[in-house]
Amino acid sequence: MLHLYRQQIISIAIGMASLFVQTAMAQYNTSRIEINLSEHDSKPYYFGITIGGNSSRFHTSFHSAFLQSDSVLVAEPNNTGGASLGLSATARLSDHFQFRFNPQLFFVDRSIKYVLRYPDPASDNQTEVVKKVESVTMSFPLHIKFQSDRIGNFRVYTLAGIKGDIDMASNARAKRAEQLVKIEKNDWGPELGIGFNFFFPTFIFSPEIKISNGVRNIHSRDQDLQFSNVIDRIQSRMIVFSIHLEG
């Protein structure tokens, strides 16, 4: 599953790069092209808004109790979609390097599919049960962007950085003692991505795709809970596609 996930990322990135590079070269070969926002590169800083979608999942590691369990046969994370909205502030460091702060609010609904040996009375006596974990996460990414020279009204850039996340819907302290998978509130991890700048007369349109992974174990394991005790570690995995509108 993880191998297929990586292949999907690579395919999307290559497809986007090919499309946008072809567009840029077409612009470059047009002798009458009008250069938009020609003085933008000299700005010391600028701001924007971010709208995005994401594909997210849990990365799980099993506890030794999983091998001893006679009730849970399979515990498999699912890929799910989500949305995000945020702001961006970018500062110029040099002709090719920029520093960006891009706080965003993520709405994520991740889940784990369980296959049980015996029907679960709490799930209409089903042997296949999906446990959802809803998150409303404030993410605070800090990025260094490396950008190419401008080709007409087009530019490509890459980014690398680190993020800190706060899950405002964390259920780690929930009092309900049945059927829960509890998730901690705080997380952090690295981010890598690629994006493209399209310069219009009054704004910059910037599609971007990035990998955003959590490093911390966010699983609040409870050995008394059926769906929690078989899992040791849970880490977040996310692919984020964003549209930045900057000025």
C-alpha atoms as a PDB file:
ATOM      1  CA  MET A   1       0.000   0.000   0.000  1.00  0.00           C
ATOM      2  CA  LEU A   2       2.777   2.445   0.888  1.00  0.00           C
ATOM      3  CA  HIS A   3       4.597   1.570  -2.345  1.00  0.00           C
ATOM      4  CA  LEU A   4       1.466   2.334  -4.385  1.00  0.00           C
ATOM      5  CA  TYR A   5       1.005   5.546  -2.418  1.00  0.00           C
ATOM      6  CA  ARG A   6       4.511   6.735  -3.346  1.00  0.00           C
ATOM      7  CA  GLN A   7       3.968   5.834  -6.975  1.00  0.00           C
ATOM      8  CA  GLN A   8       0.792   7.938  -6.981  1.00  0.00           C
ATOM      9  CA  ILE A   9       2.702  10.956  -5.647  1.00  0.00           C
ATOM     10  CA  ILE A  10       5.457  10.598  -8.226  1.00  0.00           C
ATOM     11  CA  SER A  11       2.973  10.205 -11.097  1.00  0.00           C
ATOM     12  CA  ILE A  12       1.010  13.318 -10.076  1.00  0.00           C
ATOM     13  CA  ALA A  13       4.175  15.392  -9.656  1.00  0.00           C
ATOM     14  CA  ILE A  14       5.594  14.321 -13.023  1.00  0.00           C
ATOM     15  CA  GLY A  15       2.281  15.000 -14.767  1.00  0.00           C
ATOM     16  CA  MET A  16       2.005  18.465 -13.234  1.00  0.00           C
ATOM     17  CA  ALA A  17       5.611  19.287 -14.062  1.00  0.00           C
ATOM     18  CA  SER A  18       5.224  18.208 -17.694  1.00  0.00           C
ATOM     19  CA  LEU A  19       2.026  20.208 -18.168  1.00  0.00           C
ATOM     20  CA  PHE A  20       3.292  23.390 -16.606  1.00  0.00           C
ATOM     21  CA  VAL A  21       6.737  23.264 -18.225  1.00  0.00           C
ATOM     22  CA  GLN A  22       5.094  22.873 -21.625  1.00  0.00           C
ATOM     23  CA  THR A  23       2.900  25.873 -20.882  1.00  0.00           C
ATOM     24  CA  ALA A  24       5.897  27.886 -19.737  1.00  0.00           C
ATOM     25  CA  MET A  25       7.925  27.064 -22.819  1.00  0.00           C
ATOM     26  CA  ALA A  26       4.984  28.049 -25.003  1.00  0.00           C
ATOM     27  CA  GLN A  27       4.927  31.394 -23.221  1.00  0.00           C
ATOM     28  CA  TYR A  28       8.673  31.762 -23.577  1.00  0.00           C
ATOM     29  CA  ASN A  29       8.509  31.173 -27.315  1.00  0.00           C
ATOM     30  CA  THR A  30       5.870  33.872 -27.804  1.00  0.00           C
ATOM     31  CA  SER A  31       7.632  37.051 -28.762  1.00  0.00           C
ATOM     32  CA  ARG A  32       4.803  39.392 -27.773  1.00  0.00           C
ATOM     33  CA  ILE A  33       4.276  38.096 -24.238  1.00  0.00           C
ATOM     34  CA  GLU A  34       3.481  40.781 -21.670  1.00  0.00           C
ATOM     35  CA  ILE A  35       5.342  40.409 -18.368  1.00  0.00           C
ATOM     36  CA  ASN A  36       2.903  40.624 -15.454  1.00  0.00           C
ATOM     37  CA  LEU A  37       3.903  41.925 -12.005  1.00  0.00           C
ATOM     38  CA  SER A  38       7.401  42.655 -13.282  1.00  0.00           C
ATOM     39  CA  GLU A  39       8.510  44.256  -9.991  1.00  0.00           C
ATOM     40  CA  HIS A  40       7.143  41.514  -7.740  1.00  0.00           C
ATOM     41  CA  ASP A  41      10.514  39.751  -7.331  1.00  0.00           C
ATOM     42  CA  SER A  42      11.974  42.810  -5.626  1.00  0.00           C
ATOM     43  CA  LYS A  43       9.328  42.878  -2.890  1.00  0.00           C
ATOM     44  CA  PRO A  44      10.806  42.157   0.573  1.00  0.00           C
ATOM     45  CA  TYR A  45       7.630  40.294   1.552  1.00  0.00           C
ATOM     46  CA  TYR A  46       4.121  39.516   0.346  1.00  0.00           C
ATOM     47  CA  PHE A  47       0.966  37.730   1.554  1.00  0.00           C
ATOM     48  CA  GLY A  48      -1.669  35.350   0.250  1.00  0.00           C
ATOM     49  CA  ILE A  49      -4.450  32.888   0.984  1.00  0.00           C
ATOM     50  CA  THR A  50      -4.380  29.102   0.635  1.00  0.00           C
ATOM     51  CA  ILE A  51      -7.165  26.704  -0.344  1.00  0.00           C
ATOM     52  CA  GLY A  52      -6.410  23.000  -0.424  1.00  0.00           C
ATOM     53  CA  GLY A  53      -7.451  19.394  -0.409  1.00  0.00           C
ATOM     54  CA  ASN A  54      -5.648  16.401   1.027  1.00  0.00           C
ATOM     55  CA  SER A  55      -5.429  12.634   1.057  1.00  0.00           C
ATOM     56  CA  SER A  56      -4.516  11.394   4.523  1.00  0.00           C
ATOM     57  CA  ARG A  57      -4.085   8.143   6.415  1.00  0.00           C
ATOM     58  CA  PHE A  58      -2.611   6.660   9.550  1.00  0.00           C
ATOM     59  CA  HIS A  59       0.654   4.742   9.479  1.00  0.00           C
ATOM     60  CA  THR A  60       0.343   2.047  12.140  1.00  0.00           C
ATOM     61  CA  SER A  61       2.691  -0.341  13.944  1.00  0.00           C
ATOM     62  CA  PHE A  62       1.190  -3.302  15.763  1.00  0.00           C
ATOM     63  CA  HIS A  63       1.648  -4.060  19.422  1.00  0.00           C
ATOM     64  CA  SER A  64       2.698  -7.523  20.565  1.00  0.00           C
ATOM     65  CA  ALA A  65      -0.875  -7.899  21.850  1.00  0.00           C
ATOM     66  CA  PHE A  66      -2.029  -8.134  18.219  1.00  0.00           C
ATOM     67  CA  LEU A  67      -0.364 -11.546  17.815  1.00  0.00           C
ATOM     68  CA  GLN A  68      -1.994 -12.703  21.020  1.00  0.00           C
ATOM     69  CA  SER A  69      -5.437 -11.379  20.155  1.00  0.00           C
ATOM     70  CA  ASP A  70      -8.126 -13.926  19.358  1.00  0.00           C
ATOM     71  CA  SER A  71     -10.716 -11.312  18.368  1.00  0.00           C
ATOM     72  CA  VAL A  72      -9.001  -8.803  16.007  1.00  0.00           C
ATOM     73  CA  LEU A  73      -7.674 -10.416  12.825  1.00  0.00           C
ATOM     74  CA  VAL A  74      -6.917  -7.303  10.713  1.00  0.00           C
ATOM     75  CA  ALA A  75      -6.358  -3.609  11.498  1.00  0.00           C
ATOM     76  CA  GLU A  76      -5.747  -1.653   8.284  1.00  0.00           C
ATOM     77  CA  PRO A  77      -5.679   2.158   7.843  1.00  0.00           C
ATOM     78  CA  ASN A  78      -7.801   3.671   5.046  1.00  0.00           C
ATOM     79  CA  ASN A  79      -7.016   6.603   2.743  1.00  0.00           C
ATOM     80  CA  THR A  80      -9.480   9.452   3.197  1.00  0.00           C
ATOM     81  CA  GLY A  81      -9.927  12.967   1.827  1.00  0.00           C
ATOM     82  CA  GLY A  82     -10.093  16.322   3.530  1.00  0.00           C
ATOM     83  CA  ALA A  83      -9.905  20.080   3.000  1.00  0.00           C
ATOM     84  CA  SER A  84      -7.883  23.008   4.286  1.00  0.00           C
ATOM     85  CA  LEU A  85      -7.900  26.799   4.391  1.00  0.00           C
ATOM     86  CA  GLY A  86      -5.104  29.123   5.445  1.00  0.00           C
ATOM     87  CA  LEU A  87      -2.943  32.204   5.040  1.00  0.00           C
ATOM     88  CA  SER A  88       0.619  32.665   3.853  1.00  0.00           C
ATOM     89  CA  ALA A  89       3.377  35.185   4.489  1.00  0.00           C
ATOM     90  CA  THR A  90       6.519  35.012   2.358  1.00  0.00           C
ATOM     91  CA  ALA A  91       9.790  36.889   2.876  1.00  0.00           C
ATOM     92  CA  ARG A  92      12.499  37.305   0.222  1.00  0.00           C
ATOM     93  CA  LEU A  93      15.916  35.979   1.244  1.00  0.00           C
ATOM     94  CA  SER A  94      17.661  36.206  -2.140  1.00  0.00           C
ATOM     95  CA  ASP A  95      16.895  35.935  -5.850  1.00  0.00           C
ATOM     96  CA  HIS A  96      16.249  32.204  -5.541  1.00  0.00           C
ATOM     97  CA  PHE A  97      15.395  31.599  -1.874  1.00  0.00           C
ATOM     98  CA  GLN A  98      12.320  32.591   0.104  1.00  0.00           C
ATOM     99  CA  PHE A  99      11.037  31.917   3.621  1.00  0.00           C
ATOM    100  CA  ARG A 100       7.319  31.128   4.018  1.00  0.00           C
ATOM    101  CA  PHE A 101       4.994  30.813   7.005  1.00  0.00           C
ATOM    102  CA  ASN A 102       1.754  29.090   5.949  1.00  0.00           C
ATOM    103  CA  PRO A 103      -0.649  28.418   8.861  1.00  0.00           C
ATOM    104  CA  GLN A 104      -3.652  26.323   7.815  1.00  0.00           C
ATOM    105  CA  LEU A 105      -6.770  24.775   9.290  1.00  0.00           C
ATOM    106  CA  PHE A 106      -7.186  21.141   8.181  1.00  0.00           C
ATOM    107  CA  PHE A 107     -10.419  19.157   8.300  1.00  0.00           C
ATOM    108  CA  VAL A 108      -9.431  15.480   8.232  1.00  0.00           C
ATOM    109  CA  ASP A 109     -11.465  12.310   8.688  1.00  0.00           C
ATOM    110  CA  ARG A 110      -9.147   9.277   9.005  1.00  0.00           C
ATOM    111  CA  SER A 111     -10.166   5.710   9.750  1.00  0.00           C
ATOM    112  CA  ILE A 112      -8.967   2.185  10.498  1.00  0.00           C
ATOM    113  CA  LYS A 113     -10.699  -0.922   9.194  1.00  0.00           C
ATOM    114  CA  TYR A 114     -10.881  -3.910  11.556  1.00  0.00           C
ATOM    115  CA  VAL A 115     -11.754  -7.484  10.685  1.00  0.00           C
ATOM    116  CA  LEU A 116     -13.010  -9.384  13.738  1.00  0.00           C
ATOM    117  CA  ARG A 117     -13.213 -13.074  14.446  1.00  0.00           C
ATOM    118  CA  TYR A 118     -16.546 -12.649  16.201  1.00  0.00           C
ATOM    119  CA  PRO A 119     -19.429 -10.261  15.344  1.00  0.00           C
ATOM    120  CA  ASP A 120     -19.341  -6.968  17.219  1.00  0.00           C
ATOM    121  CA  PRO A 121     -22.634  -6.284  19.056  1.00  0.00           C
ATOM    122  CA  ALA A 122     -21.899  -2.529  19.078  1.00  0.00           C
ATOM    123  CA  SER A 123     -21.702  -2.527  15.252  1.00  0.00           C
ATOM    124  CA  ASP A 124     -24.871  -4.423  14.361  1.00  0.00           C
ATOM    125  CA  ASN A 125     -23.084  -7.764  14.758  1.00  0.00           C
ATOM    126  CA  GLN A 126     -20.701  -7.066  11.878  1.00  0.00           C
ATOM    127  CA  THR A 127     -17.284  -8.698  11.570  1.00  0.00           C
ATOM    128  CA  GLU A 128     -15.895  -5.774   9.549  1.00  0.00           C
ATOM    129  CA  VAL A 129     -15.810  -2.527  11.523  1.00  0.00           C
ATOM    130  CA  VAL A 130     -14.472   0.903  10.491  1.00  0.00           C
ATOM    131  CA  LYS A 131     -13.417   3.221  13.303  1.00  0.00           C
ATOM    132  CA  LYS A 132     -13.282   6.885  12.240  1.00  0.00           C
ATOM    133  CA  VAL A 133     -11.152   9.558  13.871  1.00  0.00           C
ATOM    134  CA  GLU A 134     -12.233  13.090  12.997  1.00  0.00           C
ATOM    135  CA  SER A 135      -9.643  15.844  13.346  1.00  0.00           C
ATOM    136  CA  VAL A 136      -9.708  19.622  13.102  1.00  0.00           C
ATOM    137  CA  THR A 137      -6.036  20.488  13.028  1.00  0.00           C
ATOM    138  CA  MET A 138      -4.214  23.802  13.133  1.00  0.00           C
ATOM    139  CA  SER A 139      -0.956  23.349  11.237  1.00  0.00           C
ATOM    140  CA  PHE A 140       1.959  25.799  11.427  1.00  0.00           C
ATOM    141  CA  PRO A 141       4.451  25.032   8.619  1.00  0.00           C
ATOM    142  CA  LEU A 142       7.741  26.878   8.104  1.00  0.00           C
ATOM    143  CA  HIS A 143       9.253  26.442   4.631  1.00  0.00           C
ATOM    144  CA  ILE A 144      12.349  27.393   2.695  1.00  0.00           C
ATOM    145  CA  LYS A 145      11.475  27.780  -1.001  1.00  0.00           C
ATOM    146  CA  PHE A 146      14.013  27.436  -3.799  1.00  0.00           C
ATOM    147  CA  GLN A 147      12.695  29.022  -6.979  1.00  0.00           C
ATOM    148  CA  SER A 148      13.876  28.956 -10.573  1.00  0.00           C
ATOM    149  CA  ASP A 149      14.482  31.977 -12.756  1.00  0.00           C
ATOM    150  CA  ARG A 150      11.294  33.411 -14.159  1.00  0.00           C
ATOM    151  CA  ILE A 151      10.322  32.306 -17.677  1.00  0.00           C
ATOM    152  CA  GLY A 152       7.869  34.902 -18.894  1.00  0.00           C
ATOM    153  CA  ASN A 153       4.909  34.612 -16.516  1.00  0.00           C
ATOM    154  CA  PHE A 154       5.901  31.192 -15.183  1.00  0.00           C
ATOM    155  CA  ARG A 155       8.210  29.827 -12.496  1.00  0.00           C
ATOM    156  CA  VAL A 156       8.742  26.489 -10.741  1.00  0.00           C
ATOM    157  CA  TYR A 157       9.828  26.070  -7.122  1.00  0.00           C
ATOM    158  CA  THR A 158      10.555  23.386  -4.556  1.00  0.00           C
ATOM    159  CA  LEU A 159      10.139  23.619  -0.814  1.00  0.00           C
ATOM    160  CA  ALA A 160      11.304  21.901   2.349  1.00  0.00           C
ATOM    161  CA  GLY A 161      10.454  22.603   5.945  1.00  0.00           C
ATOM    162  CA  ILE A 162       8.919  21.514   9.197  1.00  0.00           C
ATOM    163  CA  LYS A 163       5.430  21.749  10.661  1.00  0.00           C
ATOM    164  CA  GLY A 164       3.812  21.731  14.074  1.00  0.00           C
ATOM    165  CA  ASP A 165       0.216  20.476  14.421  1.00  0.00           C
ATOM    166  CA  ILE A 166      -2.427  20.953  17.094  1.00  0.00           C
ATOM    167  CA  ASP A 167      -5.497  18.704  16.835  1.00  0.00           C
ATOM    168  CA  MET A 168      -8.335  20.701  18.367  1.00  0.00           C
ATOM    169  CA  ALA A 169     -10.671  17.682  18.159  1.00  0.00           C
ATOM    170  CA  SER A 170      -8.275  15.304  19.943  1.00  0.00           C
ATOM    171  CA  ASN A 171     -10.055  12.534  21.833  1.00  0.00           C
ATOM    172  CA  ALA A 172      -7.078  11.391  23.951  1.00  0.00           C
ATOM    173  CA  ARG A 173      -8.867  12.451  27.143  1.00  0.00           C
ATOM    174  CA  ALA A 174     -12.279  11.124  26.154  1.00  0.00           C
ATOM    175  CA  LYS A 175     -14.205   9.496  28.983  1.00  0.00           C
ATOM    176  CA  ARG A 176     -16.035   6.974  26.820  1.00  0.00           C
ATOM    177  CA  ALA A 177     -14.356   3.651  27.522  1.00  0.00           C
ATOM    178  CA  GLU A 178     -15.628   1.566  24.619  1.00  0.00           C
ATOM    179  CA  GLN A 179     -14.556   1.091  21.034  1.00  0.00           C
ATOM    180  CA  LEU A 180     -12.221   4.132  20.887  1.00  0.00           C
ATOM    181  CA  VAL A 181      -8.936   4.774  19.107  1.00  0.00           C
ATOM    182  CA  LYS A 182      -7.541   7.761  20.983  1.00  0.00           C
ATOM    183  CA  ILE A 183      -5.301  10.328  19.282  1.00  0.00           C
ATOM    184  CA  GLU A 184      -2.964  12.782  21.005  1.00  0.00           C
ATOM    185  CA  LYS A 185      -3.277  16.511  20.481  1.00  0.00           C
ATOM    186  CA  ASN A 186       0.204  17.545  19.293  1.00  0.00           C
ATOM    187  CA  ASP A 187       2.314  16.382  16.348  1.00  0.00           C
ATOM    188  CA  TRP A 188       5.238  17.586  14.229  1.00  0.00           C
ATOM    189  CA  GLY A 189       7.164  16.483  11.169  1.00  0.00           C
ATOM    190  CA  PRO A 190       8.868  17.335   7.861  1.00  0.00           C
ATOM    191  CA  GLU A 191       7.293  18.601   4.634  1.00  0.00           C
ATOM    192  CA  LEU A 192       8.572  18.421   1.042  1.00  0.00           C
ATOM    193  CA  GLY A 193       6.881  19.727  -2.076  1.00  0.00           C
ATOM    194  CA  ILE A 194       6.915  21.262  -5.513  1.00  0.00           C
ATOM    195  CA  GLY A 195       4.885  24.159  -6.898  1.00  0.00           C
ATOM    196  CA  PHE A 196       4.419  26.490  -9.853  1.00  0.00           C
ATOM    197  CA  ASN A 197       3.883  30.251 -10.080  1.00  0.00           C
ATOM    198  CA  PHE A 198       1.641  31.677 -12.802  1.00  0.00           C
ATOM    199  CA  PHE A 199       1.822  35.480 -12.906  1.00  0.00           C
ATOM    200  CA  PHE A 200      -1.391  37.285 -13.803  1.00  0.00           C
ATOM    201  CA  PRO A 201      -1.824  41.085 -14.032  1.00  0.00           C
ATOM    202  CA  THR A 202      -3.075  41.437 -10.436  1.00  0.00           C
ATOM    203  CA  PHE A 203      -2.143  38.221  -8.588  1.00  0.00           C
ATOM    204  CA  ILE A 204      -0.035  35.040  -8.633  1.00  0.00           C
ATOM    205  CA  PHE A 205      -1.768  31.676  -9.029  1.00  0.00           C
ATOM    206  CA  SER A 206       0.364  28.917  -7.446  1.00  0.00           C
ATOM    207  CA  PRO A 207      -0.692  25.239  -7.500  1.00  0.00           C
ATOM    208  CA  GLU A 208       1.416  23.101  -5.175  1.00  0.00           C
ATOM    209  CA  ILE A 209       1.680  19.486  -4.046  1.00  0.00           C
ATOM    210  CA  LYS A 210       3.562  18.376  -0.946  1.00  0.00           C
ATOM    211  CA  ILE A 211       4.127  15.405   1.335  1.00  0.00           C
ATOM    212  CA  SER A 212       3.423  16.147   4.994  1.00  0.00           C
ATOM    213  CA  ASN A 213       4.346  13.391   7.455  1.00  0.00           C
ATOM    214  CA  GLY A 214       4.109  13.264  11.220  1.00  0.00           C
ATOM    215  CA  VAL A 215       7.051  11.937  13.250  1.00  0.00           C
ATOM    216  CA  ARG A 216       5.505  11.659  16.697  1.00  0.00           C
ATOM    217  CA  ASN A 217       3.515   8.654  17.921  1.00  0.00           C
ATOM    218  CA  ILE A 218       0.057  10.189  18.305  1.00  0.00           C
ATOM    219  CA  HIS A 219      -1.636   7.020  19.579  1.00  0.00           C
ATOM    220  CA  SER A 220      -2.827   7.194  23.176  1.00  0.00           C
ATOM    221  CA  ARG A 221      -2.902   3.430  23.658  1.00  0.00           C
ATOM    222  CA  ASP A 222      -5.358   1.928  26.118  1.00  0.00           C
ATOM    223  CA  GLN A 223      -4.788  -1.747  26.849  1.00  0.00           C
ATOM    224  CA  ASP A 224      -8.390  -2.112  28.031  1.00  0.00           C
ATOM    225  CA  LEU A 225      -9.878  -1.084  24.677  1.00  0.00           C
ATOM    226  CA  GLN A 226     -10.343  -3.744  22.006  1.00  0.00           C
ATOM    227  CA  PHE A 227      -9.499  -1.541  19.044  1.00  0.00           C
ATOM    228  CA  SER A 228      -6.655   0.314  20.727  1.00  0.00           C
ATOM    229  CA  ASN A 229      -4.627  -2.370  22.482  1.00  0.00           C
ATOM    230  CA  VAL A 230      -3.614  -4.170  19.254  1.00  0.00           C
ATOM    231  CA  ILE A 231      -1.885  -1.027  17.914  1.00  0.00           C
ATOM    232  CA  ASP A 232       1.358   0.343  19.294  1.00  0.00           C
ATOM    233  CA  ARG A 233       2.245   3.410  17.199  1.00  0.00           C
ATOM    234  CA  ILE A 234       0.166   5.669  14.950  1.00  0.00           C
ATOM    235  CA  GLN A 235       1.780   8.346  12.789  1.00  0.00           C
ATOM    236  CA  SER A 236       0.103  10.721  10.360  1.00  0.00           C
ATOM    237  CA  ARG A 237       0.676  10.615   6.600  1.00  0.00           C
ATOM    238  CA  MET A 238      -0.730  13.226   4.229  1.00  0.00           C
ATOM    239  CA  ILE A 239      -0.512  14.402   0.616  1.00  0.00           C
ATOM    240  CA  VAL A 240      -1.645  18.011   0.306  1.00  0.00           C
ATOM    241  CA  PHE A 241      -2.651  19.763  -2.925  1.00  0.00           C
ATOM    242  CA  SER A 242      -2.913  23.516  -2.432  1.00  0.00           C
ATOM    243  CA  ILE A 243      -3.800  26.599  -4.452  1.00  0.00           C
ATOM    244  CA  HIS A 244      -2.047  29.753  -3.262  1.00  0.00           C
ATOM    245  CA  LEU A 245      -3.403  33.131  -4.370  1.00  0.00           C
ATOM    246  CA  GLU A 246      -0.673  35.695  -3.692  1.00  0.00           C
ATOM    247  CA  GLY A 247      -0.112  39.353  -4.412  1.00  0.00           C
END
